[in-house]
Amino acid sequence: MKLQKAIYWAATGLLSLLMLYTATMYFVKHQTLVEVFARLGYPAYLVYPLAVVKIRGIIAIVTKRSRILKEWAYAGFFFDFILAMSAHINAGDGLYFLPALVCLILLMISYTLDRMINKKQPV
């Protein structure tokens, strides 16, 4: 059980740091991200809301104050990573889909171990 918790917190912590880094970049390098979003086929107005939602999602997962919000955060990140991977692959960006794949793997580890540790029934 201790090993599961250690792996859970390592995966969740790394995922949190990656999401906070990307959300910060959405604010700090806004124009660059607008250009990337345009190249991937997404509208520019999604940059700021996506940054805010990423921060709130991490807060929901780490604090565990609401099971329902935590589940929605996991689901939202899942779709974000799947869409990011497919957008980069479809745009022919080479290996730029790999960060989204790494985040998806961390997300699945975090979610699975959270369910195992807490032994919760489906929401």
C-alpha atoms as a PDB file:
ATOM      1  CA  MET A   1       0.000   0.000   0.000  1.00  0.00           C
ATOM      2  CA  LYS A   2       2.860   2.388   0.767  1.00  0.00           C
ATOM      3  CA  LEU A   3       4.393   1.725  -2.646  1.00  0.00           C
ATOM      4  CA  GLN A   4       1.052   2.413  -4.339  1.00  0.00           C
ATOM      5  CA  LYS A   5       0.718   5.712  -2.475  1.00  0.00           C
ATOM      6  CA  ALA A   6       4.275   6.696  -3.345  1.00  0.00           C
ATOM      7  CA  ILE A   7       3.705   5.947  -7.035  1.00  0.00           C
ATOM      8  CA  TYR A   8       0.346   7.746  -6.912  1.00  0.00           C
ATOM      9  CA  TRP A   9       1.855  10.903  -5.433  1.00  0.00           C
ATOM     10  CA  ALA A  10       4.836  10.774  -7.793  1.00  0.00           C
ATOM     11  CA  ALA A  11       2.585  10.475 -10.855  1.00  0.00           C
ATOM     12  CA  THR A  12       0.080  13.043  -9.567  1.00  0.00           C
ATOM     13  CA  GLY A  13       2.838  15.447  -8.556  1.00  0.00           C
ATOM     14  CA  LEU A  14       4.581  15.200 -11.909  1.00  0.00           C
ATOM     15  CA  LEU A  15       1.282  15.586 -13.750  1.00  0.00           C
ATOM     16  CA  SER A  16       0.463  18.621 -11.594  1.00  0.00           C
ATOM     17  CA  LEU A  17       3.814  20.238 -12.311  1.00  0.00           C
ATOM     18  CA  LEU A  18       3.452  19.650 -16.043  1.00  0.00           C
ATOM     19  CA  MET A  19      -0.062  21.106 -16.098  1.00  0.00           C
ATOM     20  CA  LEU A  20       0.958  24.127 -14.024  1.00  0.00           C
ATOM     21  CA  TYR A  21       3.919  24.673 -16.358  1.00  0.00           C
ATOM     22  CA  THR A  22       1.728  24.539 -19.466  1.00  0.00           C
ATOM     23  CA  ALA A  23      -0.916  26.792 -17.883  1.00  0.00           C
ATOM     24  CA  THR A  24       1.787  29.295 -16.961  1.00  0.00           C
ATOM     25  CA  MET A  25       3.115  29.245 -20.522  1.00  0.00           C
ATOM     26  CA  TYR A  26      -0.409  29.969 -21.795  1.00  0.00           C
ATOM     27  CA  PHE A  27      -0.255  33.273 -19.893  1.00  0.00           C
ATOM     28  CA  VAL A  28       3.439  34.133 -20.266  1.00  0.00           C
ATOM     29  CA  LYS A  29       3.865  33.215 -23.940  1.00  0.00           C
ATOM     30  CA  HIS A  30       0.334  33.930 -25.060  1.00  0.00           C
ATOM     31  CA  GLN A  31       1.143  35.022 -28.619  1.00  0.00           C
ATOM     32  CA  THR A  32       3.302  31.958 -29.259  1.00  0.00           C
ATOM     33  CA  LEU A  33       0.531  29.693 -28.006  1.00  0.00           C
ATOM     34  CA  VAL A  34      -2.040  31.484 -30.165  1.00  0.00           C
ATOM     35  CA  GLU A  35       0.130  30.705 -33.197  1.00  0.00           C
ATOM     36  CA  VAL A  36       0.507  27.061 -32.152  1.00  0.00           C
ATOM     37  CA  PHE A  37      -3.241  26.739 -31.585  1.00  0.00           C
ATOM     38  CA  ALA A  38      -3.906  28.245 -35.026  1.00  0.00           C
ATOM     39  CA  ARG A  39      -1.479  25.818 -36.656  1.00  0.00           C
ATOM     40  CA  LEU A  40      -3.250  22.936 -34.923  1.00  0.00           C
ATOM     41  CA  GLY A  41      -6.659  24.184 -36.020  1.00  0.00           C
ATOM     42  CA  TYR A  42      -7.934  25.492 -32.678  1.00  0.00           C
ATOM     43  CA  PRO A  43      -9.288  29.031 -32.127  1.00  0.00           C
ATOM     44  CA  ALA A  44      -7.151  31.533 -30.211  1.00  0.00           C
ATOM     45  CA  TYR A  45      -9.865  32.290 -27.667  1.00  0.00           C
ATOM     46  CA  LEU A  46      -9.328  28.857 -26.076  1.00  0.00           C
ATOM     47  CA  VAL A  47      -5.866  29.677 -24.714  1.00  0.00           C
ATOM     48  CA  TYR A  48      -6.834  31.571 -21.542  1.00  0.00           C
ATOM     49  CA  PRO A  49      -9.848  29.426 -20.566  1.00  0.00           C
ATOM     50  CA  LEU A  50      -7.817  26.251 -21.073  1.00  0.00           C
ATOM     51  CA  ALA A  51      -5.083  27.603 -18.788  1.00  0.00           C
ATOM     52  CA  VAL A  52      -7.594  28.411 -16.052  1.00  0.00           C
ATOM     53  CA  VAL A  53      -9.310  25.029 -16.371  1.00  0.00           C
ATOM     54  CA  LYS A  54      -5.966  23.219 -16.133  1.00  0.00           C
ATOM     55  CA  ILE A  55      -5.134  25.007 -12.889  1.00  0.00           C
ATOM     56  CA  ARG A  56      -8.573  24.323 -11.424  1.00  0.00           C
ATOM     57  CA  GLY A  57      -8.386  20.680 -12.514  1.00  0.00           C
ATOM     58  CA  ILE A  58      -5.117  20.160 -10.688  1.00  0.00           C
ATOM     59  CA  ILE A  59      -6.561  21.805  -7.596  1.00  0.00           C
ATOM     60  CA  ALA A  60      -9.565  19.443  -7.754  1.00  0.00           C
ATOM     61  CA  ILE A  61      -7.349  16.359  -8.097  1.00  0.00           C
ATOM     62  CA  VAL A  62      -4.788  17.256  -5.444  1.00  0.00           C
ATOM     63  CA  THR A  63      -7.158  18.590  -2.775  1.00  0.00           C
ATOM     64  CA  LYS A  64      -9.750  15.788  -3.174  1.00  0.00           C
ATOM     65  CA  ARG A  65     -12.420  18.024  -1.648  1.00  0.00           C
ATOM     66  CA  SER A  66     -15.117  16.857  -4.031  1.00  0.00           C
ATOM     67  CA  ARG A  67     -15.207  13.378  -5.571  1.00  0.00           C
ATOM     68  CA  ILE A  68     -17.374  14.562  -8.442  1.00  0.00           C
ATOM     69  CA  LEU A  69     -15.103  17.507  -9.291  1.00  0.00           C
ATOM     70  CA  LYS A  70     -12.085  15.222  -9.094  1.00  0.00           C
ATOM     71  CA  GLU A  71     -13.699  12.764 -11.524  1.00  0.00           C
ATOM     72  CA  TRP A  72     -14.579  15.601 -13.906  1.00  0.00           C
ATOM     73  CA  ALA A  73     -11.014  16.901 -13.698  1.00  0.00           C
ATOM     74  CA  TYR A  74      -9.617  13.484 -14.595  1.00  0.00           C
ATOM     75  CA  ALA A  75     -12.083  13.221 -17.486  1.00  0.00           C
ATOM     76  CA  GLY A  76     -11.281  16.726 -18.714  1.00  0.00           C
ATOM     77  CA  PHE A  77      -7.552  16.049 -18.695  1.00  0.00           C
ATOM     78  CA  PHE A  78      -8.128  12.762 -20.509  1.00  0.00           C
ATOM     79  CA  PHE A  79      -9.930  14.520 -23.358  1.00  0.00           C
ATOM     80  CA  ASP A  80      -7.397  17.361 -23.372  1.00  0.00           C
ATOM     81  CA  PHE A  81      -4.492  14.937 -23.815  1.00  0.00           C
ATOM     82  CA  ILE A  82      -6.261  12.841 -26.453  1.00  0.00           C
ATOM     83  CA  LEU A  83      -7.165  15.964 -28.451  1.00  0.00           C
ATOM     84  CA  ALA A  84      -3.650  17.377 -28.082  1.00  0.00           C
ATOM     85  CA  MET A  85      -2.076  14.147 -29.313  1.00  0.00           C
ATOM     86  CA  SER A  86      -4.407  13.851 -32.278  1.00  0.00           C
ATOM     87  CA  ALA A  87      -3.982  17.534 -33.209  1.00  0.00           C
ATOM     88  CA  HIS A  88      -0.194  17.252 -33.240  1.00  0.00           C
ATOM     89  CA  ILE A  89      -0.280  13.998 -35.190  1.00  0.00           C
ATOM     90  CA  ASN A  90      -2.749  15.384 -37.743  1.00  0.00           C
ATOM     91  CA  ALA A  91      -0.709  18.588 -38.124  1.00  0.00           C
ATOM     92  CA  GLY A  92       2.404  16.546 -38.879  1.00  0.00           C
ATOM     93  CA  ASP A  93       4.353  18.082 -35.979  1.00  0.00           C
ATOM     94  CA  GLY A  94       6.657  15.110 -35.688  1.00  0.00           C
ATOM     95  CA  LEU A  95       7.161  14.031 -32.099  1.00  0.00           C
ATOM     96  CA  TYR A  96       5.387  16.987 -30.463  1.00  0.00           C
ATOM     97  CA  PHE A  97       2.579  14.612 -29.472  1.00  0.00           C
ATOM     98  CA  LEU A  98       4.905  12.897 -26.963  1.00  0.00           C
ATOM     99  CA  PRO A  99       4.363  15.350 -24.056  1.00  0.00           C
ATOM    100  CA  ALA A 100       0.612  14.749 -24.308  1.00  0.00           C
ATOM    101  CA  LEU A 101       1.236  10.990 -24.369  1.00  0.00           C
ATOM    102  CA  VAL A 102       3.443  11.223 -21.267  1.00  0.00           C
ATOM    103  CA  CYS A 103       0.757  13.266 -19.502  1.00  0.00           C
ATOM    104  CA  LEU A 104      -1.884  10.729 -20.523  1.00  0.00           C
ATOM    105  CA  ILE A 105       0.169   7.892 -19.041  1.00  0.00           C
ATOM    106  CA  LEU A 106       0.716   9.852 -15.808  1.00  0.00           C
ATOM    107  CA  LEU A 107      -3.004  10.617 -15.693  1.00  0.00           C
ATOM    108  CA  MET A 108      -3.952   6.955 -16.076  1.00  0.00           C
ATOM    109  CA  ILE A 109      -1.492   5.926 -13.360  1.00  0.00           C
ATOM    110  CA  SER A 110      -2.789   8.630 -11.023  1.00  0.00           C
ATOM    111  CA  TYR A 111      -6.434   7.791 -11.656  1.00  0.00           C
ATOM    112  CA  THR A 112      -6.011   4.024 -11.356  1.00  0.00           C
ATOM    113  CA  LEU A 113      -3.994   4.215  -8.152  1.00  0.00           C
ATOM    114  CA  ASP A 114      -6.376   6.783  -6.661  1.00  0.00           C
ATOM    115  CA  ARG A 115      -9.235   4.358  -7.237  1.00  0.00           C
ATOM    116  CA  MET A 116      -7.241   1.448  -5.775  1.00  0.00           C
ATOM    117  CA  ILE A 117      -6.071   3.348  -2.697  1.00  0.00           C
ATOM    118  CA  ASN A 118      -9.462   4.850  -1.880  1.00  0.00           C
ATOM    119  CA  LYS A 119     -11.517   1.843  -3.056  1.00  0.00           C
ATOM    120  CA  LYS A 120     -14.375   4.129  -4.060  1.00  0.00           C
ATOM    121  CA  GLN A 121     -17.403   3.004  -5.964  1.00  0.00           C
ATOM    122  CA  PRO A 122     -18.053   4.715  -9.299  1.00  0.00           C
ATOM    123  CA  VAL A 123     -19.436   8.231  -8.969  1.00  0.00           C
END
